[in-house]
Amino acid sequence: GQTALSQRSSTWTVIKAIFQSEGPLGFFQGLTST
């Protein structure tokens, strides 16, 4: 119950969800760990 996305969401759907909820910097979550 931690996401509303479908289990078969496309790559573009996931990218769009990140951009809408977290903005451009959201794509760099975990950069320090990387």
PDB file of all heavy atoms in Angstrom:
ATOM      1  N   GLY A   1       0.783  -1.227   0.000  1.00  0.00           N
ATOM      2  CA  GLY A   1       0.000   0.000   0.000  1.00  0.00           C
ATOM      3  C   GLY A   1       0.817   1.279   0.000  1.00  0.00           C
ATOM      4  O   GLY A   1       0.360   2.318   0.478  1.00  0.00           O
ATOM      5  N   GLN A   2       2.007   1.238  -0.576  1.00  0.00           N
ATOM      6  CA  GLN A   2       2.886   2.413  -0.555  1.00  0.00           C
ATOM      7  C   GLN A   2       2.943   3.154  -1.887  1.00  0.00           C
ATOM      8  O   GLN A   2       3.708   4.110  -2.024  1.00  0.00           O
ATOM      9  CB  GLN A   2       4.297   1.989  -0.126  1.00  0.00           C
ATOM     10  CG  GLN A   2       4.352   1.412   1.280  1.00  0.00           C
ATOM     11  CD  GLN A   2       5.768   1.097   1.713  1.00  0.00           C
ATOM     12  OE1 GLN A   2       6.569   1.998   1.984  1.00  0.00           O
ATOM     13  NE2 GLN A   2       6.099  -0.180   1.791  1.00  0.00           N
ATOM     14  N   THR A   3       2.168   2.700  -2.865  1.00  0.00           N
ATOM     15  CA  THR A   3       2.103   3.413  -4.143  1.00  0.00           C
ATOM     16  C   THR A   3       0.759   3.188  -4.801  1.00  0.00           C
ATOM     17  O   THR A   3       0.122   2.138  -4.604  1.00  0.00           O
ATOM     18  CB  THR A   3       3.223   2.947  -5.101  1.00  0.00           C
ATOM     19  OG1 THR A   3       3.161   3.721  -6.303  1.00  0.00           O
ATOM     20  CG2 THR A   3       3.082   1.477  -5.457  1.00  0.00           C
ATOM     21  N   ALA A   4       0.318   4.192  -5.550  1.00  0.00           N
ATOM     22  CA  ALA A   4      -0.941   4.071  -6.289  1.00  0.00           C
ATOM     23  C   ALA A   4      -0.698   3.629  -7.722  1.00  0.00           C
ATOM     24  O   ALA A   4      -1.644   3.368  -8.466  1.00  0.00           O
ATOM     25  CB  ALA A   4      -1.667   5.415  -6.281  1.00  0.00           C
ATOM     26  N   LEU A   5       0.567   3.523  -8.117  1.00  0.00           N
ATOM     27  CA  LEU A   5       0.895   3.125  -9.481  1.00  0.00           C
ATOM     28  C   LEU A   5       0.532   1.666  -9.731  1.00  0.00           C
ATOM     29  O   LEU A   5       0.623   0.825  -8.831  1.00  0.00           O
ATOM     30  CB  LEU A   5       2.389   3.315  -9.757  1.00  0.00           C
ATOM     31  CG  LEU A   5       2.904   4.757  -9.855  1.00  0.00           C
ATOM     32  CD1 LEU A   5       4.424   4.755  -9.984  1.00  0.00           C
ATOM     33  CD2 LEU A   5       2.283   5.480 -11.040  1.00  0.00           C
ATOM     34  N   SER A   6       0.144   1.364 -10.964  1.00  0.00           N
ATOM     35  CA  SER A   6      -0.153  -0.013 -11.354  1.00  0.00           C
ATOM     36  C   SER A   6       1.134  -0.833 -11.365  1.00  0.00           C
ATOM     37  O   SER A   6       2.217  -0.310 -11.621  1.00  0.00           O
ATOM     38  CB  SER A   6      -0.788  -0.029 -12.747  1.00  0.00           C
ATOM     39  OG  SER A   6      -0.746  -1.313 -13.310  1.00  0.00           O
ATOM     40  N   GLN A   7       0.995  -2.141 -11.102  1.00  0.00           N
ATOM     41  CA  GLN A   7       2.151  -3.034 -11.110  1.00  0.00           C
ATOM     42  C   GLN A   7       2.788  -3.125 -12.489  1.00  0.00           C
ATOM     43  O   GLN A   7       3.952  -3.515 -12.619  1.00  0.00           O
ATOM     44  CB  GLN A   7       1.744  -4.429 -10.630  1.00  0.00           C
ATOM     45  CG  GLN A   7       1.317  -4.465  -9.168  1.00  0.00           C
ATOM     46  CD  GLN A   7       0.834  -5.829  -8.736  1.00  0.00           C
ATOM     47  OE1 GLN A   7       1.151  -6.831  -9.376  1.00  0.00           O
ATOM     48  NE2 GLN A   7       0.069  -5.892  -7.663  1.00  0.00           N
ATOM     49  N   ARG A   8       2.023  -2.812 -13.516  1.00  0.00           N
ATOM     50  CA  ARG A   8       2.553  -2.879 -14.887  1.00  0.00           C
ATOM     51  C   ARG A   8       2.716  -1.490 -15.500  1.00  0.00           C
ATOM     52  O   ARG A   8       2.575  -1.319 -16.710  1.00  0.00           O
ATOM     53  CB  ARG A   8       1.653  -3.751 -15.759  1.00  0.00           C
ATOM     54  CG  ARG A   8       1.639  -5.208 -15.301  1.00  0.00           C
ATOM     55  CD  ARG A   8       1.373  -6.150 -16.444  1.00  0.00           C
ATOM     56  NE  ARG A   8       1.588  -7.541 -16.074  1.00  0.00           N
ATOM     57  CZ  ARG A   8       1.722  -8.525 -16.939  1.00  0.00           C
ATOM     58  NH1 ARG A   8       1.681  -8.275 -18.226  1.00  0.00           N
ATOM     59  NH2 ARG A   8       1.911  -9.767 -16.533  1.00  0.00           N
ATOM     60  N   SER A   9       3.026  -0.531 -14.663  1.00  0.00           N
ATOM     61  CA  SER A   9       3.241   0.830 -15.142  1.00  0.00           C
ATOM     62  C   SER A   9       4.440   0.861 -16.096  1.00  0.00           C
ATOM     63  O   SER A   9       5.431   0.167 -15.888  1.00  0.00           O
ATOM     64  CB  SER A   9       3.501   1.779 -13.971  1.00  0.00           C
ATOM     65  OG  SER A   9       2.359   1.888 -13.152  1.00  0.00           O
ATOM     66  N   SER A  10       4.320   1.672 -17.127  1.00  0.00           N
ATOM     67  CA  SER A  10       5.395   1.790 -18.107  1.00  0.00           C
ATOM     68  C   SER A  10       6.520   2.658 -17.568  1.00  0.00           C
ATOM     69  O   SER A  10       6.375   3.342 -16.544  1.00  0.00           O
ATOM     70  CB  SER A  10       4.863   2.409 -19.397  1.00  0.00           C
ATOM     71  OG  SER A  10       4.481   3.762 -19.167  1.00  0.00           O
ATOM     72  N   THR A  11       7.637   2.634 -18.271  1.00  0.00           N
ATOM     73  CA  THR A  11       8.785   3.467 -17.887  1.00  0.00           C
ATOM     74  C   THR A  11       8.390   4.936 -17.854  1.00  0.00           C
ATOM     75  O   THR A  11       8.718   5.664 -16.915  1.00  0.00           O
ATOM     76  CB  THR A  11       9.943   3.272 -18.890  1.00  0.00           C
ATOM     77  OG1 THR A  11      10.295   1.885 -18.944  1.00  0.00           O
ATOM     78  CG2 THR A  11      11.158   4.093 -18.486  1.00  0.00           C
ATOM     79  N   TRP A  12       7.639   5.365 -18.877  1.00  0.00           N
ATOM     80  CA  TRP A  12       7.239   6.763 -18.967  1.00  0.00           C
ATOM     81  C   TRP A  12       6.306   7.155 -17.822  1.00  0.00           C
ATOM     82  O   TRP A  12       6.395   8.262 -17.290  1.00  0.00           O
ATOM     83  CB  TRP A  12       6.568   7.038 -20.311  1.00  0.00           C
ATOM     84  CG  TRP A  12       6.030   8.443 -20.436  1.00  0.00           C
ATOM     85  CD1 TRP A  12       4.755   8.826 -20.609  1.00  0.00           C
ATOM     86  CD2 TRP A  12       6.794   9.664 -20.370  1.00  0.00           C
ATOM     87  NE1 TRP A  12       4.657  10.199 -20.660  1.00  0.00           N
ATOM     88  CE2 TRP A  12       5.899  10.730 -20.517  1.00  0.00           C
ATOM     89  CE3 TRP A  12       8.153   9.931 -20.206  1.00  0.00           C
ATOM     90  CZ2 TRP A  12       6.309  12.053 -20.503  1.00  0.00           C
ATOM     91  CZ3 TRP A  12       8.560  11.260 -20.181  1.00  0.00           C
ATOM     92  CH2 TRP A  12       7.647  12.301 -20.337  1.00  0.00           C
ATOM     93  N   THR A  13       5.423   6.239 -17.403  1.00  0.00           N
ATOM     94  CA  THR A  13       4.513   6.502 -16.288  1.00  0.00           C
ATOM     95  C   THR A  13       5.283   6.746 -15.003  1.00  0.00           C
ATOM     96  O   THR A  13       4.980   7.658 -14.231  1.00  0.00           O
ATOM     97  CB  THR A  13       3.539   5.326 -16.092  1.00  0.00           C
ATOM     98  OG1 THR A  13       2.785   5.135 -17.287  1.00  0.00           O
ATOM     99  CG2 THR A  13       2.587   5.583 -14.926  1.00  0.00           C
ATOM    100  N   VAL A  14       6.306   5.927 -14.763  1.00  0.00           N
ATOM    101  CA  VAL A  14       7.123   6.078 -13.557  1.00  0.00           C
ATOM    102  C   VAL A  14       7.916   7.377 -13.610  1.00  0.00           C
ATOM    103  O   VAL A  14       8.001   8.109 -12.612  1.00  0.00           O
ATOM    104  CB  VAL A  14       8.076   4.864 -13.391  1.00  0.00           C
ATOM    105  CG1 VAL A  14       9.028   5.080 -12.221  1.00  0.00           C
ATOM    106  CG2 VAL A  14       7.277   3.582 -13.197  1.00  0.00           C
ATOM    107  N   ILE A  15       8.485   7.702 -14.775  1.00  0.00           N
ATOM    108  CA  ILE A  15       9.237   8.950 -14.929  1.00  0.00           C
ATOM    109  C   ILE A  15       8.331  10.159 -14.663  1.00  0.00           C
ATOM    110  O   ILE A  15       8.708  11.101 -13.958  1.00  0.00           O
ATOM    111  CB  ILE A  15       9.851   9.049 -16.347  1.00  0.00           C
ATOM    112  CG1 ILE A  15      10.958   8.006 -16.517  1.00  0.00           C
ATOM    113  CG2 ILE A  15      10.391  10.452 -16.611  1.00  0.00           C
ATOM    114  CD1 ILE A  15      11.499   7.905 -17.933  1.00  0.00           C
ATOM    115  N   LYS A  16       7.123  10.109 -15.242  1.00  0.00           N
ATOM    116  CA  LYS A  16       6.171  11.213 -15.076  1.00  0.00           C
ATOM    117  C   LYS A  16       5.766  11.380 -13.615  1.00  0.00           C
ATOM    118  O   LYS A  16       5.654  12.507 -13.111  1.00  0.00           O
ATOM    119  CB  LYS A  16       4.935  10.941 -15.948  1.00  0.00           C
ATOM    120  CG  LYS A  16       4.101  12.172 -16.265  1.00  0.00           C
ATOM    121  CD  LYS A  16       3.182  11.923 -17.452  1.00  0.00           C
ATOM    122  CE  LYS A  16       2.328  10.674 -17.261  1.00  0.00           C
ATOM    123  NZ  LYS A  16       1.296  10.555 -18.327  1.00  0.00           N
ATOM    124  N   ALA A  17       5.580  10.259 -12.915  1.00  0.00           N
ATOM    125  CA  ALA A  17       5.193  10.304 -11.504  1.00  0.00           C
ATOM    126  C   ALA A  17       6.293  10.930 -10.648  1.00  0.00           C
ATOM    127  O   ALA A  17       6.020  11.712  -9.729  1.00  0.00           O
ATOM    128  CB  ALA A  17       4.879   8.892 -10.998  1.00  0.00           C
ATOM    129  N   ILE A  18       7.544  10.605 -10.961  1.00  0.00           N
ATOM    130  CA  ILE A  18       8.671  11.188 -10.226  1.00  0.00           C
ATOM    131  C   ILE A  18       8.729  12.689 -10.454  1.00  0.00           C
ATOM    132  O   ILE A  18       8.865  13.483  -9.515  1.00  0.00           O
ATOM    133  CB  ILE A  18      10.003  10.532 -10.649  1.00  0.00           C
ATOM    134  CG1 ILE A  18      10.025   9.056 -10.267  1.00  0.00           C
ATOM    135  CG2 ILE A  18      11.193  11.266 -10.014  1.00  0.00           C
ATOM    136  CD1 ILE A  18      11.192   8.283 -10.876  1.00  0.00           C
ATOM    137  N   PHE A  19       8.603  13.090 -11.704  1.00  0.00           N
ATOM    138  CA  PHE A  19       8.693  14.509 -12.051  1.00  0.00           C
ATOM    139  C   PHE A  19       7.560  15.308 -11.409  1.00  0.00           C
ATOM    140  O   PHE A  19       7.775  16.415 -10.896  1.00  0.00           O
ATOM    141  CB  PHE A  19       8.658  14.678 -13.568  1.00  0.00           C
ATOM    142  CG  PHE A  19       9.005  16.071 -14.026  1.00  0.00           C
ATOM    143  CD1 PHE A  19      10.330  16.491 -14.107  1.00  0.00           C
ATOM    144  CD2 PHE A  19       8.009  16.978 -14.350  1.00  0.00           C
ATOM    145  CE1 PHE A  19      10.650  17.776 -14.524  1.00  0.00           C
ATOM    146  CE2 PHE A  19       8.319  18.265 -14.770  1.00  0.00           C
ATOM    147  CZ  PHE A  19       9.643  18.664 -14.851  1.00  0.00           C
ATOM    148  N   GLN A  20       6.345  14.759 -11.409  1.00  0.00           N
ATOM    149  CA  GLN A  20       5.183  15.470 -10.872  1.00  0.00           C
ATOM    150  C   GLN A  20       5.226  15.579  -9.353  1.00  0.00           C
ATOM    151  O   GLN A  20       4.831  16.602  -8.784  1.00  0.00           O
ATOM    152  CB  GLN A  20       3.888  14.775 -11.310  1.00  0.00           C
ATOM    153  CG  GLN A  20       3.596  14.921 -12.797  1.00  0.00           C
ATOM    154  CD  GLN A  20       2.396  14.105 -13.253  1.00  0.00           C
ATOM    155  OE1 GLN A  20       1.923  13.206 -12.538  1.00  0.00           O
ATOM    156  NE2 GLN A  20       1.907  14.394 -14.444  1.00  0.00           N
ATOM    157  N   SER A  21       5.693  14.528  -8.681  1.00  0.00           N
ATOM    158  CA  SER A  21       5.664  14.524  -7.214  1.00  0.00           C
ATOM    159  C   SER A  21       6.943  15.043  -6.561  1.00  0.00           C
ATOM    160  O   SER A  21       6.900  15.571  -5.442  1.00  0.00           O
ATOM    161  CB  SER A  21       5.377  13.115  -6.690  1.00  0.00           C
ATOM    162  OG  SER A  21       6.412  12.216  -7.084  1.00  0.00           O
ATOM    163  N   GLU A  22       8.072  14.920  -7.266  1.00  0.00           N
ATOM    164  CA  GLU A  22       9.348  15.266  -6.640  1.00  0.00           C
ATOM    165  C   GLU A  22      10.154  16.301  -7.407  1.00  0.00           C
ATOM    166  O   GLU A  22      11.160  16.802  -6.901  1.00  0.00           O
ATOM    167  CB  GLU A  22      10.190  13.997  -6.442  1.00  0.00           C
ATOM    168  CG  GLU A  22       9.494  12.920  -5.613  1.00  0.00           C
ATOM    169  CD  GLU A  22      10.185  11.569  -5.731  1.00  0.00           C
ATOM    170  OE1 GLU A  22      11.378  11.488  -5.401  1.00  0.00           O
ATOM    171  OE2 GLU A  22       9.531  10.603  -6.167  1.00  0.00           O
ATOM    172  N   GLY A  23       9.745  16.588  -8.646  1.00  0.00           N
ATOM    173  CA  GLY A  23      10.472  17.552  -9.445  1.00  0.00           C
ATOM    174  C   GLY A  23      11.764  16.965 -10.015  1.00  0.00           C
ATOM    175  O   GLY A  23      12.075  15.794  -9.782  1.00  0.00           O
ATOM    176  N   PRO A  24      12.520  17.780 -10.746  1.00  0.00           N
ATOM    177  CA  PRO A  24      13.757  17.281 -11.382  1.00  0.00           C
ATOM    178  C   PRO A  24      14.759  16.688 -10.396  1.00  0.00           C
ATOM    179  O   PRO A  24      15.423  15.702 -10.697  1.00  0.00           O
ATOM    180  CB  PRO A  24      14.326  18.533 -12.065  1.00  0.00           C
ATOM    181  CG  PRO A  24      13.148  19.420 -12.278  1.00  0.00           C
ATOM    182  CD  PRO A  24      12.250  19.179 -11.108  1.00  0.00           C
ATOM    183  N   LEU A  25      14.869  17.276  -9.206  1.00  0.00           N
ATOM    184  CA  LEU A  25      15.832  16.771  -8.236  1.00  0.00           C
ATOM    185  C   LEU A  25      15.439  15.398  -7.689  1.00  0.00           C
ATOM    186  O   LEU A  25      16.289  14.690  -7.119  1.00  0.00           O
ATOM    187  CB  LEU A  25      15.993  17.766  -7.073  1.00  0.00           C
ATOM    188  CG  LEU A  25      16.680  19.094  -7.412  1.00  0.00           C
ATOM    189  CD1 LEU A  25      16.759  19.988  -6.187  1.00  0.00           C
ATOM    190  CD2 LEU A  25      18.083  18.852  -7.970  1.00  0.00           C
ATOM    191  N   GLY A  26      14.168  15.041  -7.855  1.00  0.00           N
ATOM    192  CA  GLY A  26      13.714  13.729  -7.387  1.00  0.00           C
ATOM    193  C   GLY A  26      14.431  12.585  -8.079  1.00  0.00           C
ATOM    194  O   GLY A  26      14.549  11.489  -7.516  1.00  0.00           O
ATOM    195  N   PHE A  27      14.922  12.821  -9.299  1.00  0.00           N
ATOM    196  CA  PHE A  27      15.631  11.774 -10.046  1.00  0.00           C
ATOM    197  C   PHE A  27      17.013  11.478  -9.452  1.00  0.00           C
ATOM    198  O   PHE A  27      17.641  10.490  -9.825  1.00  0.00           O
ATOM    199  CB  PHE A  27      15.786  12.185 -11.513  1.00  0.00           C
ATOM    200  CG  PHE A  27      14.497  12.169 -12.276  1.00  0.00           C
ATOM    201  CD1 PHE A  27      13.763  13.338 -12.460  1.00  0.00           C
ATOM    202  CD2 PHE A  27      13.995  10.979 -12.795  1.00  0.00           C
ATOM    203  CE1 PHE A  27      12.564  13.320 -13.158  1.00  0.00           C
ATOM    204  CE2 PHE A  27      12.806  10.955 -13.490  1.00  0.00           C
ATOM    205  CZ  PHE A  27      12.075  12.125 -13.667  1.00  0.00           C
ATOM    206  N   PHE A  28      17.460  12.331  -8.529  1.00  0.00           N
ATOM    207  CA  PHE A  28      18.768  12.128  -7.923  1.00  0.00           C
ATOM    208  C   PHE A  28      18.682  11.632  -6.482  1.00  0.00           C
ATOM    209  O   PHE A  28      19.649  11.734  -5.725  1.00  0.00           O
ATOM    210  CB  PHE A  28      19.598  13.411  -8.016  1.00  0.00           C
ATOM    211  CG  PHE A  28      19.998  13.731  -9.433  1.00  0.00           C
ATOM    212  CD1 PHE A  28      19.197  14.541 -10.231  1.00  0.00           C
ATOM    213  CD2 PHE A  28      21.154  13.195  -9.978  1.00  0.00           C
ATOM    214  CE1 PHE A  28      19.548  14.813 -11.554  1.00  0.00           C
ATOM    215  CE2 PHE A  28      21.518  13.464 -11.287  1.00  0.00           C
ATOM    216  CZ  PHE A  28      20.717  14.271 -12.075  1.00  0.00           C
ATOM    217  N   GLN A  29      17.509  11.073  -6.123  1.00  0.00           N
ATOM    218  CA  GLN A  29      17.402  10.403  -4.829  1.00  0.00           C
ATOM    219  C   GLN A  29      18.409   9.252  -4.800  1.00  0.00           C
ATOM    220  O   GLN A  29      18.427   8.417  -5.694  1.00  0.00           O
ATOM    221  CB  GLN A  29      15.993   9.823  -4.659  1.00  0.00           C
ATOM    222  CG  GLN A  29      14.938  10.849  -4.300  1.00  0.00           C
ATOM    223  CD  GLN A  29      14.703  10.932  -2.789  1.00  0.00           C
ATOM    224  OE1 GLN A  29      15.521  10.496  -2.000  1.00  0.00           O
ATOM    225  NE2 GLN A  29      13.571  11.495  -2.416  1.00  0.00           N
ATOM    226  N   GLY A  30      19.240   9.223  -3.776  1.00  0.00           N
ATOM    227  CA  GLY A  30      20.222   8.142  -3.660  1.00  0.00           C
ATOM    228  C   GLY A  30      21.547   8.425  -4.347  1.00  0.00           C
ATOM    229  O   GLY A  30      22.374   7.513  -4.486  1.00  0.00           O
ATOM    230  N   LEU A  31      21.783   9.672  -4.767  1.00  0.00           N
ATOM    231  CA  LEU A  31      23.042   9.981  -5.460  1.00  0.00           C
ATOM    232  C   LEU A  31      24.251   9.788  -4.544  1.00  0.00           C
ATOM    233  O   LEU A  31      25.267   9.227  -4.964  1.00  0.00           O
ATOM    234  CB  LEU A  31      23.022  11.417  -6.000  1.00  0.00           C
ATOM    235  CG  LEU A  31      24.310  11.894  -6.704  1.00  0.00           C
ATOM    236  CD1 LEU A  31      24.633  11.003  -7.897  1.00  0.00           C
ATOM    237  CD2 LEU A  31      24.186  13.349  -7.138  1.00  0.00           C
ATOM    238  N   THR A  32      24.134  10.241  -3.296  1.00  0.00           N
ATOM    239  CA  THR A  32      25.247  10.055  -2.352  1.00  0.00           C
ATOM    240  C   THR A  32      25.556   8.572  -2.169  1.00  0.00           C
ATOM    241  O   THR A  32      26.721   8.154  -2.178  1.00  0.00           O
ATOM    242  CB  THR A  32      24.909  10.691  -0.989  1.00  0.00           C
ATOM    243  OG1 THR A  32      24.657  12.086  -1.159  1.00  0.00           O
ATOM    244  CG2 THR A  32      26.060  10.514  -0.013  1.00  0.00           C
ATOM    245  N   SER A  33      24.488   7.774  -2.023  1.00  0.00           N
ATOM    246  CA  SER A  33      24.673   6.329  -1.873  1.00  0.00           C
ATOM    247  C   SER A  33      25.303   5.722  -3.125  1.00  0.00           C
ATOM    248  O   SER A  33      26.107   4.784  -3.041  1.00  0.00           O
ATOM    249  CB  SER A  33      23.324   5.660  -1.598  1.00  0.00           C
ATOM    250  OG  SER A  33      22.710   6.206  -0.464  1.00  0.00           O
ATOM    251  N   THR A  34      24.915   6.256  -4.288  1.00  0.00           N
ATOM    252  CA  THR A  34      25.488   5.769  -5.545  1.00  0.00           C
ATOM    253  C   THR A  34      26.980   6.051  -5.591  1.00  0.00           C
ATOM    254  O   THR A  34      27.786   5.184  -5.959  1.00  0.00           O
ATOM    255  CB  THR A  34      24.787   6.430  -6.752  1.00  0.00           C
ATOM    256  OG1 THR A  34      23.379   6.154  -6.683  1.00  0.00           O
ATOM    257  CG2 THR A  34      25.332   5.888  -8.064  1.00  0.00           C
TER     258      THR A  34
END
